[in-house]
Amino acid sequence: MLNKDKILLVEDSPDDIELTLHAFKKNNILNEIIVKHDGEEALEYIFGPEGVENNETLNLPILILLDLNIPKIDGLNVLKRVKNHNRTKAIPTIILTSSNEKTDIINAYLHGCNSYIRKPVDFNQFAETIRQLGLYWLVLNEPHLNKNEFQP
């Protein structure tokens, strides 16, 4: 599943980061994974420092994997910002979290997440979840063709 496009993983748990990266590698998903440890880092990566676009922010990820329970700016607020901006609203944003709270699930979908996945505890199940996620979002799904089409 080779793709030159980047995946943004927003996760604060070192163990979950390691598991996710290992699961991608195990399933031959070779996209570059950009890891951000909190909501503030994620938003700066996506929108640039203080929301100012620069050359780095023009190279947006093809997929965002977002934990809800992250420091500084929580995942729901990151999701809201991504889905409320013309340049980023078409990026598939997958909530990958341990939360199974109904209010979290409802709020994530109300604010535009494309999928809500509860992290399996067992590594083999987690690896299979990542395999299926990669197969669907990176191979089967037709992404938007030109990220610049969504600029205001």
N, C-alpha and C. Protein backbone atom coordinates (compact mmCIF):
# COMPACT_ATOMS: atom_id res chain seq x y z
N MET A 1 0.83 -1.18 0.00
CA MET A 1 0.00 0.00 0.00
C MET A 1 0.88 1.25 0.00
N LEU A 2 1.72 1.37 -0.99
CA LEU A 2 2.63 2.50 -1.07
C LEU A 2 1.90 3.74 -1.53
N ASN A 3 2.10 4.82 -0.81
CA ASN A 3 1.51 6.10 -1.17
C ASN A 3 2.45 7.17 -0.67
N LYS A 4 2.77 8.12 -1.54
CA LYS A 4 3.72 9.17 -1.16
C LYS A 4 3.10 10.18 -0.21
N ASP A 5 1.79 10.18 -0.09
CA ASP A 5 1.13 11.14 0.77
C ASP A 5 1.31 10.80 2.23
N LYS A 6 1.20 11.83 3.06
CA LYS A 6 1.45 11.69 4.49
C LYS A 6 0.16 11.42 5.26
N ILE A 7 0.32 10.74 6.37
CA ILE A 7 -0.76 10.52 7.33
C ILE A 7 -0.37 11.27 8.59
N LEU A 8 -1.31 12.02 9.14
CA LEU A 8 -1.08 12.72 10.39
C LEU A 8 -1.70 11.91 11.52
N LEU A 9 -0.88 11.50 12.47
CA LEU A 9 -1.33 10.79 13.66
C LEU A 9 -1.23 11.75 14.83
N VAL A 10 -2.37 12.04 15.47
CA VAL A 10 -2.39 12.94 16.62
C VAL A 10 -2.70 12.08 17.84
N GLU A 11 -1.66 11.83 18.62
CA GLU A 11 -1.75 10.88 19.73
C GLU A 11 -0.71 11.26 20.79
N ASP A 12 -1.11 11.25 22.05
CA ASP A 12 -0.17 11.63 23.11
C ASP A 12 0.45 10.44 23.83
N SER A 13 -0.11 9.27 23.71
CA SER A 13 0.40 8.09 24.41
C SER A 13 1.56 7.46 23.63
N PRO A 14 2.77 7.44 24.22
CA PRO A 14 3.91 6.81 23.53
C PRO A 14 3.63 5.35 23.16
N ASP A 15 2.94 4.62 24.03
CA ASP A 15 2.62 3.23 23.74
C ASP A 15 1.69 3.11 22.53
N ASP A 16 0.67 3.96 22.47
CA ASP A 16 -0.26 3.92 21.34
C ASP A 16 0.40 4.37 20.04
N ILE A 17 1.32 5.32 20.14
CA ILE A 17 2.07 5.75 18.95
C ILE A 17 2.89 4.58 18.43
N GLU A 18 3.61 3.92 19.33
CA GLU A 18 4.45 2.79 18.94
C GLU A 18 3.60 1.66 18.34
N LEU A 19 2.47 1.35 18.98
CA LEU A 19 1.57 0.31 18.45
C LEU A 19 1.06 0.66 17.06
N THR A 20 0.67 1.92 16.88
CA THR A 20 0.13 2.35 15.59
C THR A 20 1.20 2.27 14.50
N LEU A 21 2.38 2.77 14.80
CA LEU A 21 3.46 2.73 13.81
C LEU A 21 3.84 1.28 13.47
N HIS A 22 3.88 0.44 14.50
CA HIS A 22 4.18 -0.98 14.27
C HIS A 22 3.10 -1.65 13.43
N ALA A 23 1.84 -1.32 13.70
CA ALA A 23 0.73 -1.91 12.94
C ALA A 23 0.78 -1.46 11.48
N PHE A 24 1.11 -0.20 11.23
CA PHE A 24 1.25 0.28 9.84
C PHE A 24 2.37 -0.49 9.14
N LYS A 25 3.50 -0.61 9.81
CA LYS A 25 4.65 -1.32 9.23
C LYS A 25 4.31 -2.78 8.97
N LYS A 26 3.68 -3.43 9.94
CA LYS A 26 3.30 -4.85 9.81
C LYS A 26 2.40 -5.07 8.61
N ASN A 27 1.57 -4.08 8.30
CA ASN A 27 0.61 -4.21 7.20
C ASN A 27 1.09 -3.55 5.91
N ASN A 28 2.38 -3.26 5.83
CA ASN A 28 2.99 -2.69 4.63
C ASN A 28 2.33 -1.40 4.16
N ILE A 29 1.87 -0.61 5.09
CA ILE A 29 1.36 0.72 4.77
C ILE A 29 2.57 1.65 4.90
N LEU A 30 3.08 2.11 3.78
CA LEU A 30 4.38 2.75 3.74
C LEU A 30 4.31 4.28 3.67
N ASN A 31 3.13 4.84 3.85
CA ASN A 31 3.03 6.29 3.89
C ASN A 31 3.88 6.84 5.02
N GLU A 32 4.39 8.05 4.83
CA GLU A 32 5.09 8.72 5.92
C GLU A 32 4.06 9.09 6.99
N ILE A 33 4.36 8.76 8.24
CA ILE A 33 3.48 9.07 9.35
C ILE A 33 4.08 10.26 10.11
N ILE A 34 3.32 11.34 10.16
CA ILE A 34 3.71 12.52 10.93
C ILE A 34 3.01 12.41 12.27
N VAL A 35 3.76 12.41 13.37
CA VAL A 35 3.17 12.26 14.70
C VAL A 35 3.19 13.61 15.41
N LYS A 36 2.03 14.00 15.91
CA LYS A 36 1.91 15.19 16.76
C LYS A 36 1.31 14.73 18.07
N HIS A 37 1.81 15.29 19.18
CA HIS A 37 1.49 14.77 20.51
C HIS A 37 0.37 15.51 21.23
N ASP A 38 -0.09 16.61 20.67
CA ASP A 38 -1.21 17.34 21.28
C ASP A 38 -1.94 18.14 20.20
N GLY A 39 -3.08 18.68 20.58
CA GLY A 39 -3.90 19.41 19.62
C GLY A 39 -3.25 20.66 19.09
N GLU A 40 -2.49 21.33 19.93
CA GLU A 40 -1.81 22.55 19.51
C GLU A 40 -0.77 22.24 18.42
N GLU A 41 0.04 21.20 18.64
CA GLU A 41 1.02 20.78 17.62
C GLU A 41 0.33 20.39 16.32
N ALA A 42 -0.78 19.68 16.43
CA ALA A 42 -1.50 19.23 15.23
C ALA A 42 -2.01 20.42 14.43
N LEU A 43 -2.63 21.38 15.11
CA LEU A 43 -3.16 22.55 14.40
C LEU A 43 -2.04 23.39 13.80
N GLU A 44 -0.92 23.48 14.49
CA GLU A 44 0.21 24.23 13.92
C GLU A 44 0.74 23.52 12.68
N TYR A 45 0.79 22.19 12.71
CA TYR A 45 1.25 21.44 11.53
C TYR A 45 0.29 21.67 10.36
N ILE A 46 -1.00 21.63 10.63
CA ILE A 46 -2.00 21.76 9.56
C ILE A 46 -2.11 23.18 9.04
N PHE A 47 -2.16 24.15 9.94
CA PHE A 47 -2.44 25.52 9.55
C PHE A 47 -1.23 26.45 9.60
N GLY A 48 -0.10 25.99 10.10
CA GLY A 48 1.08 26.83 10.22
C GLY A 48 1.07 27.57 11.54
N PRO A 49 2.20 28.19 11.89
CA PRO A 49 2.26 28.93 13.15
C PRO A 49 1.25 30.07 13.14
N GLU A 50 0.47 30.11 14.18
CA GLU A 50 -0.56 31.14 14.35
C GLU A 50 -1.54 31.18 13.18
N GLY A 51 -1.74 30.03 12.54
CA GLY A 51 -2.74 29.92 11.48
C GLY A 51 -2.31 30.49 10.15
N VAL A 52 -1.03 30.85 10.02
CA VAL A 52 -0.54 31.44 8.77
C VAL A 52 -0.01 30.33 7.88
N GLU A 53 -0.54 30.23 6.65
CA GLU A 53 -0.08 29.20 5.72
C GLU A 53 1.36 29.46 5.32
N ASN A 54 2.10 28.38 5.16
CA ASN A 54 3.44 28.46 4.61
C ASN A 54 3.64 27.25 3.71
N ASN A 55 4.81 27.11 3.12
CA ASN A 55 5.03 26.01 2.18
C ASN A 55 4.78 24.65 2.80
N GLU A 56 5.15 24.47 4.08
CA GLU A 56 4.93 23.18 4.73
C GLU A 56 3.45 22.87 4.90
N THR A 57 2.66 23.88 5.21
CA THR A 57 1.23 23.62 5.44
C THR A 57 0.48 23.39 4.14
N LEU A 58 1.08 23.71 3.01
CA LEU A 58 0.42 23.43 1.74
C LEU A 58 0.49 21.95 1.39
N ASN A 59 1.38 21.21 2.04
CA ASN A 59 1.50 19.77 1.84
C ASN A 59 0.68 19.06 2.92
N LEU A 60 -0.62 19.13 2.77
CA LEU A 60 -1.52 18.59 3.77
C LEU A 60 -1.52 17.07 3.77
N PRO A 61 -1.85 16.46 4.90
CA PRO A 61 -1.93 14.99 4.94
C PRO A 61 -3.13 14.49 4.14
N ILE A 62 -3.01 13.25 3.67
CA ILE A 62 -4.12 12.63 2.96
C ILE A 62 -5.15 12.05 3.94
N LEU A 63 -4.73 11.86 5.20
CA LEU A 63 -5.56 11.26 6.22
C LEU A 63 -5.11 11.75 7.59
N ILE A 64 -6.08 12.01 8.48
CA ILE A 64 -5.77 12.39 9.85
C ILE A 64 -6.35 11.33 10.78
N LEU A 65 -5.51 10.77 11.64
CA LEU A 65 -5.93 9.86 12.70
C LEU A 65 -5.83 10.65 14.00
N LEU A 66 -6.95 10.83 14.67
CA LEU A 66 -7.04 11.79 15.76
C LEU A 66 -7.60 11.16 17.02
N ASP A 67 -6.82 11.21 18.09
CA ASP A 67 -7.31 10.78 19.40
C ASP A 67 -8.12 11.93 19.99
N LEU A 68 -9.16 11.63 20.73
CA LEU A 68 -9.96 12.68 21.35
C LEU A 68 -9.31 13.24 22.61
N ASN A 69 -8.69 12.38 23.39
CA ASN A 69 -8.16 12.77 24.70
C ASN A 69 -6.68 13.12 24.58
N ILE A 70 -6.42 14.31 24.06
CA ILE A 70 -5.05 14.79 23.90
C ILE A 70 -4.90 16.12 24.64
N PRO A 71 -3.67 16.45 25.04
CA PRO A 71 -3.46 17.69 25.81
C PRO A 71 -3.57 18.96 24.97
N LYS A 72 -3.60 20.07 25.69
CA LYS A 72 -3.63 21.44 25.20
C LYS A 72 -4.93 21.78 24.49
N ILE A 73 -5.16 21.22 23.32
CA ILE A 73 -6.43 21.40 22.61
C ILE A 73 -6.95 20.00 22.34
N ASP A 74 -8.14 19.68 22.86
CA ASP A 74 -8.62 18.29 22.73
C ASP A 74 -8.97 17.96 21.28
N GLY A 75 -9.10 16.66 21.03
CA GLY A 75 -9.34 16.17 19.68
C GLY A 75 -10.61 16.71 19.04
N LEU A 76 -11.65 16.89 19.82
CA LEU A 76 -12.90 17.41 19.27
C LEU A 76 -12.70 18.83 18.73
N ASN A 77 -11.95 19.65 19.45
CA ASN A 77 -11.70 21.01 18.97
C ASN A 77 -10.77 21.03 17.76
N VAL A 78 -9.83 20.10 17.69
CA VAL A 78 -9.00 19.96 16.48
C VAL A 78 -9.90 19.60 15.30
N LEU A 79 -10.77 18.61 15.52
CA LEU A 79 -11.71 18.19 14.47
C LEU A 79 -12.55 19.37 13.98
N LYS A 80 -13.09 20.15 14.90
CA LYS A 80 -13.91 21.32 14.51
C LYS A 80 -13.13 22.27 13.63
N ARG A 81 -11.89 22.56 14.01
CA ARG A 81 -11.07 23.49 13.21
C ARG A 81 -10.80 22.94 11.82
N VAL A 82 -10.46 21.66 11.75
CA VAL A 82 -10.16 21.04 10.45
C VAL A 82 -11.38 21.06 9.55
N LYS A 83 -12.53 20.71 10.10
CA LYS A 83 -13.74 20.58 9.28
C LYS A 83 -14.41 21.93 9.00
N ASN A 84 -13.99 22.99 9.68
CA ASN A 84 -14.57 24.31 9.43
C ASN A 84 -13.71 25.18 8.52
N HIS A 85 -12.63 24.63 7.99
CA HIS A 85 -11.76 25.41 7.11
C HIS A 85 -11.86 24.85 5.69
N ASN A 86 -12.07 25.72 4.72
CA ASN A 86 -12.25 25.28 3.33
C ASN A 86 -11.09 24.45 2.81
N ARG A 87 -9.88 24.77 3.23
CA ARG A 87 -8.71 24.07 2.71
C ARG A 87 -8.53 22.68 3.29
N THR A 88 -9.14 22.41 4.46
CA THR A 88 -8.89 21.14 5.14
C THR A 88 -10.14 20.29 5.35
N LYS A 89 -11.31 20.82 5.08
CA LYS A 89 -12.53 20.09 5.44
C LYS A 89 -12.71 18.78 4.68
N ALA A 90 -12.07 18.62 3.54
CA ALA A 90 -12.23 17.38 2.77
C ALA A 90 -11.24 16.30 3.17
N ILE A 91 -10.30 16.61 4.06
CA ILE A 91 -9.34 15.59 4.50
C ILE A 91 -10.07 14.58 5.38
N PRO A 92 -10.05 13.31 5.01
CA PRO A 92 -10.68 12.31 5.88
C PRO A 92 -10.05 12.35 7.27
N THR A 93 -10.89 12.49 8.27
CA THR A 93 -10.44 12.58 9.65
C THR A 93 -11.09 11.47 10.45
N ILE A 94 -10.27 10.56 10.91
CA ILE A 94 -10.71 9.36 11.60
C ILE A 94 -10.42 9.53 13.09
N ILE A 95 -11.45 9.41 13.90
CA ILE A 95 -11.24 9.41 15.35
C ILE A 95 -10.79 8.00 15.72
N LEU A 96 -9.60 7.91 16.31
CA LEU A 96 -9.02 6.65 16.75
C LEU A 96 -8.73 6.83 18.24
N THR A 97 -9.63 6.32 19.07
CA THR A 97 -9.60 6.65 20.49
C THR A 97 -10.01 5.47 21.34
N SER A 98 -9.75 5.56 22.62
CA SER A 98 -10.19 4.52 23.55
C SER A 98 -11.60 4.81 24.07
N SER A 99 -12.10 6.01 23.83
CA SER A 99 -13.41 6.39 24.36
C SER A 99 -14.55 5.69 23.63
N ASN A 100 -15.45 5.14 24.42
CA ASN A 100 -16.66 4.53 23.87
C ASN A 100 -17.90 5.28 24.38
N GLU A 101 -17.69 6.52 24.84
CA GLU A 101 -18.79 7.33 25.37
C GLU A 101 -19.70 7.76 24.23
N LYS A 102 -20.99 7.55 24.41
CA LYS A 102 -21.96 7.92 23.37
C LYS A 102 -21.86 9.40 23.00
N THR A 103 -21.66 10.27 24.00
CA THR A 103 -21.57 11.71 23.70
C THR A 103 -20.34 12.01 22.84
N ASP A 104 -19.23 11.31 23.07
CA ASP A 104 -18.04 11.51 22.24
C ASP A 104 -18.31 11.08 20.80
N ILE A 105 -18.95 9.95 20.64
CA ILE A 105 -19.26 9.43 19.31
C ILE A 105 -20.20 10.40 18.58
N ILE A 106 -21.26 10.82 19.24
CA ILE A 106 -22.23 11.74 18.63
C ILE A 106 -21.56 13.06 18.27
N ASN A 107 -20.81 13.64 19.21
CA ASN A 107 -20.16 14.92 18.94
C ASN A 107 -19.14 14.83 17.80
N ALA A 108 -18.41 13.73 17.74
CA ALA A 108 -17.43 13.56 16.67
C ALA A 108 -18.12 13.56 15.30
N TYR A 109 -19.22 12.82 15.18
CA TYR A 109 -19.93 12.79 13.90
C TYR A 109 -20.62 14.12 13.60
N LEU A 110 -21.17 14.76 14.62
CA LEU A 110 -21.80 16.06 14.41
C LEU A 110 -20.81 17.10 13.90
N HIS A 111 -19.55 16.94 14.26
CA HIS A 111 -18.54 17.92 13.84
C HIS A 111 -17.71 17.44 12.66
N GLY A 112 -18.16 16.37 12.00
CA GLY A 112 -17.60 16.03 10.70
C GLY A 112 -16.59 14.92 10.61
N CYS A 113 -16.41 14.13 11.67
CA CYS A 113 -15.46 13.03 11.51
C CYS A 113 -15.98 12.08 10.44
N ASN A 114 -15.06 11.43 9.76
CA ASN A 114 -15.44 10.50 8.70
C ASN A 114 -15.63 9.09 9.20
N SER A 115 -15.04 8.80 10.35
CA SER A 115 -15.18 7.48 10.95
C SER A 115 -14.76 7.58 12.41
N TYR A 116 -15.36 6.75 13.24
CA TYR A 116 -15.05 6.71 14.66
C TYR A 116 -14.66 5.29 15.00
N ILE A 117 -13.41 5.08 15.39
CA ILE A 117 -12.91 3.74 15.66
C ILE A 117 -12.39 3.69 17.09
N ARG A 118 -12.92 2.73 17.83
CA ARG A 118 -12.42 2.51 19.19
C ARG A 118 -11.21 1.60 19.10
N LYS A 119 -10.12 2.01 19.74
CA LYS A 119 -8.87 1.25 19.69
C LYS A 119 -9.05 -0.10 20.39
N PRO A 120 -8.80 -1.18 19.68
CA PRO A 120 -8.81 -2.48 20.35
C PRO A 120 -7.62 -2.58 21.31
N VAL A 121 -7.80 -3.30 22.40
CA VAL A 121 -6.74 -3.46 23.39
C VAL A 121 -5.72 -4.48 22.92
N ASP A 122 -6.15 -5.56 22.31
CA ASP A 122 -5.28 -6.63 21.82
C ASP A 122 -4.50 -6.16 20.59
N PHE A 123 -3.17 -6.39 20.57
CA PHE A 123 -2.36 -5.90 19.46
C PHE A 123 -2.79 -6.50 18.13
N ASN A 124 -3.08 -7.80 18.08
CA ASN A 124 -3.47 -8.41 16.80
C ASN A 124 -4.76 -7.80 16.27
N GLN A 125 -5.71 -7.54 17.16
CA GLN A 125 -6.95 -6.87 16.72
C GLN A 125 -6.65 -5.44 16.28
N PHE A 126 -5.75 -4.76 17.00
CA PHE A 126 -5.38 -3.40 16.63
C PHE A 126 -4.71 -3.38 15.26
N ALA A 127 -3.80 -4.32 15.02
CA ALA A 127 -3.12 -4.41 13.73
C ALA A 127 -4.12 -4.68 12.61
N GLU A 128 -5.09 -5.53 12.87
CA GLU A 128 -6.13 -5.80 11.86
C GLU A 128 -6.98 -4.56 11.61
N THR A 129 -7.28 -3.81 12.65
CA THR A 129 -8.03 -2.56 12.49
C THR A 129 -7.25 -1.59 11.61
N ILE A 130 -5.95 -1.46 11.85
CA ILE A 130 -5.11 -0.56 11.04
C ILE A 130 -5.03 -1.06 9.60
N ARG A 131 -4.94 -2.38 9.41
CA ARG A 131 -4.91 -2.94 8.05
C ARG A 131 -6.18 -2.56 7.30
N GLN A 132 -7.33 -2.76 7.93
CA GLN A 132 -8.59 -2.44 7.28
C GLN A 132 -8.74 -0.94 7.04
N LEU A 133 -8.31 -0.15 8.02
CA LEU A 133 -8.36 1.30 7.88
C LEU A 133 -7.50 1.73 6.68
N GLY A 134 -6.29 1.20 6.59
CA GLY A 134 -5.41 1.53 5.48
C GLY A 134 -5.97 1.08 4.15
N LEU A 135 -6.50 -0.13 4.11
CA LEU A 135 -7.08 -0.65 2.87
C LEU A 135 -8.20 0.26 2.39
N TYR A 136 -9.09 0.63 3.29
CA TYR A 136 -10.23 1.45 2.87
C TYR A 136 -9.81 2.88 2.51
N TRP A 137 -9.16 3.58 3.45
CA TRP A 137 -8.90 5.01 3.27
C TRP A 137 -7.76 5.32 2.32
N LEU A 138 -6.81 4.39 2.15
CA LEU A 138 -5.65 4.66 1.31
C LEU A 138 -5.68 3.95 -0.03
N VAL A 139 -6.53 2.93 -0.18
CA VAL A 139 -6.58 2.18 -1.43
C VAL A 139 -7.95 2.29 -2.09
N LEU A 140 -9.00 1.93 -1.38
CA LEU A 140 -10.33 1.88 -1.97
C LEU A 140 -11.00 3.24 -2.10
N ASN A 141 -10.83 4.08 -1.10
CA ASN A 141 -11.48 5.39 -1.09
C ASN A 141 -10.88 6.29 -2.17
N GLU A 142 -11.73 7.04 -2.86
CA GLU A 142 -11.27 8.04 -3.83
C GLU A 142 -11.11 9.37 -3.11
N PRO A 143 -9.87 9.82 -2.92
CA PRO A 143 -9.65 11.10 -2.23
C PRO A 143 -9.98 12.26 -3.14
N HIS A 144 -10.13 13.44 -2.54
CA HIS A 144 -10.30 14.63 -3.37
C HIS A 144 -9.05 14.75 -4.22
N LEU A 145 -9.20 15.26 -5.43
CA LEU A 145 -8.10 15.25 -6.38
C LEU A 145 -7.10 16.38 -6.18
N ASN A 146 -7.58 17.53 -5.76
CA ASN A 146 -6.69 18.68 -5.65
C ASN A 146 -7.02 19.42 -4.37
N LYS A 147 -6.10 19.41 -3.44
CA LYS A 147 -6.34 20.06 -2.15
C LYS A 147 -6.60 21.55 -2.31
N ASN A 148 -6.06 22.15 -3.35
CA ASN A 148 -6.24 23.58 -3.56
C ASN A 148 -7.66 23.94 -3.99
N GLU A 149 -8.44 22.95 -4.44
CA GLU A 149 -9.82 23.22 -4.84
C GLU A 149 -10.67 23.70 -3.67
N PHE A 150 -10.22 23.46 -2.45
CA PHE A 150 -11.03 23.78 -1.29
C PHE A 150 -10.61 25.07 -0.61
N GLN A 151 -9.74 25.83 -1.25
CA GLN A 151 -9.34 27.10 -0.68
C GLN A 151 -10.47 28.11 -0.84
N PRO A 152 -10.61 29.03 0.11
CA PRO A 152 -11.68 30.02 0.01
C PRO A 152 -11.49 30.96 -1.15
